[in-house]
Protein backbone atom coordinates (compact mmCIF):
# COMPACT_ATOMS: atom_id res chain seq x y z
CA MET A 1 31.87 28.42 55.77
CA GLU A 2 31.85 26.33 52.62
CA ARG A 3 31.15 27.74 49.41
CA GLY A 4 30.84 25.22 46.47
CA ALA A 5 28.70 21.73 46.31
CA THR A 6 30.30 18.68 47.78
CA LEU A 7 31.15 16.09 45.54
CA ILE A 8 27.70 14.13 46.60
CA GLU A 9 25.89 17.23 45.29
CA VAL A 10 27.10 17.57 41.80
CA ILE A 11 26.88 13.02 42.05
CA ILE A 12 22.88 13.26 42.46
CA TYR A 13 23.23 16.93 40.36
CA ILE A 14 24.04 15.00 37.78
CA ALA A 15 22.33 12.14 37.83
CA LEU A 16 18.63 14.10 37.93
CA LEU A 17 19.90 15.88 34.62
CA GLY A 18 20.51 12.03 33.14
CA ILE A 19 17.50 11.35 34.30
CA LEU A 20 15.91 14.29 32.43
CA LEU A 21 17.76 13.73 29.33
CA THR A 22 17.07 10.27 29.05
CA GLY A 23 13.16 10.63 29.65
CA THR A 24 12.84 13.77 26.98
CA PHE A 25 15.17 11.11 24.07
CA THR A 26 12.88 8.32 25.50
CA THR A 27 9.98 10.33 24.46
CA ALA A 28 11.47 12.12 21.44
CA LEU A 29 12.71 8.70 20.29
CA ALA A 30 8.41 7.40 20.11
CA LEU A 31 6.94 10.45 18.81
CA ILE A 32 9.23 9.87 15.61
CA ASP A 33 8.46 6.53 15.00
CA GLY A 34 5.19 7.04 15.50
CA ALA A 35 5.24 9.96 13.01
CA GLU A 36 6.95 7.12 10.78
CA ARG A 37 4.44 4.48 11.33
CA ASN A 38 1.89 7.02 10.60
CA THR A 39 3.52 8.65 7.52
CA ASP A 40 4.02 4.46 6.36
CA THR A 41 -0.11 3.96 7.00
CA ILE A 42 -0.47 6.81 4.91
CA PHE A 43 1.71 6.12 1.99
CA ARG A 44 0.30 2.71 1.86
CA ARG A 45 -3.38 4.15 1.38
CA GLN A 46 -3.26 6.04 -0.52
CA GLU A 47 -1.44 3.49 -2.69
CA ALA A 48 -4.08 1.34 -2.15
CA ALA A 49 -6.66 4.01 -3.62
CA PHE A 50 -4.57 4.47 -6.61
CA ILE A 51 -4.69 0.69 -7.34
CA ARG A 52 -8.52 0.74 -6.77
CA GLU A 53 -9.47 3.41 -8.92
CA LYS A 54 -6.90 2.21 -11.60
CA ILE A 55 -9.01 -1.37 -11.07
CA ARG A 56 -11.91 0.00 -11.12
CA PHE A 57 -11.52 2.35 -14.19
CA ALA A 58 -10.40 -0.36 -15.84
CA LEU A 59 -13.49 -2.79 -15.33
CA GLN A 60 -15.74 -0.13 -16.06
CA ALA A 61 -14.51 1.06 -19.05
CA SER A 62 -14.45 -2.74 -20.02
CA ASP A 63 -16.67 -4.80 -22.34
CA ASP A 64 -15.82 -8.24 -21.07
CA SER A 65 -13.48 -9.75 -18.00
CA SER A 66 -12.54 -13.11 -16.91
CA ILE A 67 -11.20 -14.56 -14.00
CA SER A 68 -8.59 -17.51 -13.83
CA GLN A 69 -9.77 -20.37 -11.47
CA SER A 70 -7.42 -19.71 -8.92
CA GLY A 71 -8.66 -16.51 -8.96
CA THR A 72 -5.38 -14.58 -9.11
CA VAL A 73 -5.78 -13.28 -12.48
CA LEU A 74 -8.36 -10.24 -13.86
CA THR A 75 -8.64 -10.55 -18.15
CA ILE A 76 -10.38 -7.74 -19.28
CA ARG A 77 -11.28 -6.65 -23.19
CA THR A 78 -12.15 -3.13 -24.23
CA VAL A 79 -13.12 -2.33 -27.75
CA GLU A 80 -11.65 0.22 -29.46
CA SER A 81 -12.66 3.59 -28.65
CA GLN A 82 -11.40 7.59 -29.20
CA HIS A 83 -9.49 6.70 -25.69
CA PHE A 84 -8.91 3.17 -25.79
CA ASP A 85 -6.78 1.21 -28.53
CA ALA A 86 -8.06 -2.17 -28.93
CA SER A 87 -4.15 -3.25 -29.62
CA GLU A 88 -3.75 -2.40 -25.78
CA ASN A 89 -6.32 -5.78 -25.32
CA PRO A 90 -6.12 -7.82 -23.00
CA ILE A 91 -5.45 -5.94 -19.66
CA ARG A 92 -3.92 -8.50 -17.23
CA LEU A 93 -3.60 -7.97 -13.74
CA TYR A 94 -1.60 -10.90 -11.11
CA VAL A 95 0.61 -10.76 -8.33
CA GLU A 96 4.59 -11.37 -9.57
CA ASN A 97 7.38 -10.68 -7.32
CA ARG A 98 5.41 -9.20 -4.60
CA SER A 99 4.49 -6.54 -7.24
CA LEU A 100 0.56 -5.93 -8.21
CA MET A 101 1.41 -6.03 -12.09
CA MET A 102 -0.67 -5.01 -15.38
CA ARG A 103 -0.12 -5.71 -19.04
CA ARG A 104 -1.51 -3.90 -21.38
CA GLY A 105 -1.51 -5.97 -24.72
CA THR A 106 1.73 -7.57 -25.85
CA HIS A 107 3.01 -4.35 -23.87
CA GLU A 108 5.75 -5.19 -21.23
CA ALA A 109 4.19 -5.98 -17.78
CA MET A 110 4.37 -2.74 -14.66
CA PRO A 111 3.72 -2.76 -11.43
CA LEU A 112 0.25 -1.04 -10.01
CA GLN A 113 1.74 0.54 -7.20
CA ALA A 114 5.58 1.69 -5.61
CA GLU A 115 8.24 -0.51 -4.66
CA ARG A 116 8.05 0.70 -1.07
CA PHE A 117 5.49 -1.39 -0.75
CA LEU A 118 5.12 -5.30 -1.24
CA VAL A 119 1.78 -7.62 -2.91
CA GLN A 120 1.07 -10.14 -0.13
CA SER A 121 -2.03 -11.05 -1.98
CA PHE A 122 -4.58 -10.70 -4.97
CA GLU A 123 -7.71 -12.03 -5.11
CA VAL A 124 -10.62 -11.65 -7.39
CA SER A 125 -14.13 -13.41 -7.62
CA GLU A 126 -17.05 -12.70 -9.17
CA ASP A 127 -20.82 -13.35 -7.97
CA ASP A 128 -24.18 -12.01 -8.90
CA GLY A 129 -22.71 -9.07 -11.47
CA TRP A 130 -20.41 -8.04 -8.93
CA ILE A 131 -17.04 -8.53 -9.06
CA TYR A 132 -14.90 -8.83 -6.37
CA ILE A 133 -10.95 -7.99 -5.29
CA GLN A 134 -9.58 -8.70 -2.41
CA PHE A 135 -5.09 -7.29 -1.33
CA GLN A 136 -2.63 -7.13 1.07
CA LEU A 137 -0.29 -4.05 0.59
CA ASP A 138 2.39 -5.35 3.31
CA ASP A 139 0.03 -5.91 6.50
CA GLU A 140 -3.21 -3.97 5.56
CA SER A 141 -5.78 -5.56 3.27
CA PHE A 142 -7.99 -3.86 1.11
CA SER A 143 -10.91 -4.19 -1.60
CA LEU A 144 -12.88 -3.13 -3.87
CA SER A 145 -16.58 -4.34 -5.19
CA VAL A 146 -17.52 -3.31 -9.24
CA PRO A 147 -20.22 -4.38 -10.97
CA ILE A 148 -20.37 -5.83 -14.09
CA GLU A 149 -23.04 -4.84 -17.04
C-alpha cells in the first residue's frame, strides 16, 4: 500500500489552487478599480458643486454681468460693499489651459478647480432673465442656472 500523492494528483491540486487564486486576484482587482472610479466620480462631483456655488454666489451678489460673444467668458461687476472691495471688479470667468480661471480686477487669475480635473468646456448664455452655464469636468457635464435681477 502506497502512501502520499502521485505526481498527477499534485499537479491537479496545484492547478486547482492556481485557478482559485486567479479568480480571487481578478475579483480583488475589479473591486479596487471600481472603488477608485467611484472615488473619482465623487471628487469630480464635489469639485463641480464647489464651482457652481462659487459662480452662483458671485452672480447673486452682482450688480451687472455680461457674456462674451463667443459665450466662453462671463464678466461680473459688483458695487463696493462691506463684503466686496470694488477694486476686485470685474470678476472674469474663462477657460485657460483646461482650467476654469477666475480673475478679480487686476489680481492674478486663479483656477477654480483642483489640478487633477480638466475643464473640457465652459459655455455661458442668457435668456429671459436667467444665466445658463454649462461646463464639463473630465468626461462629465454639469450645469447651473441663475436668475439675474
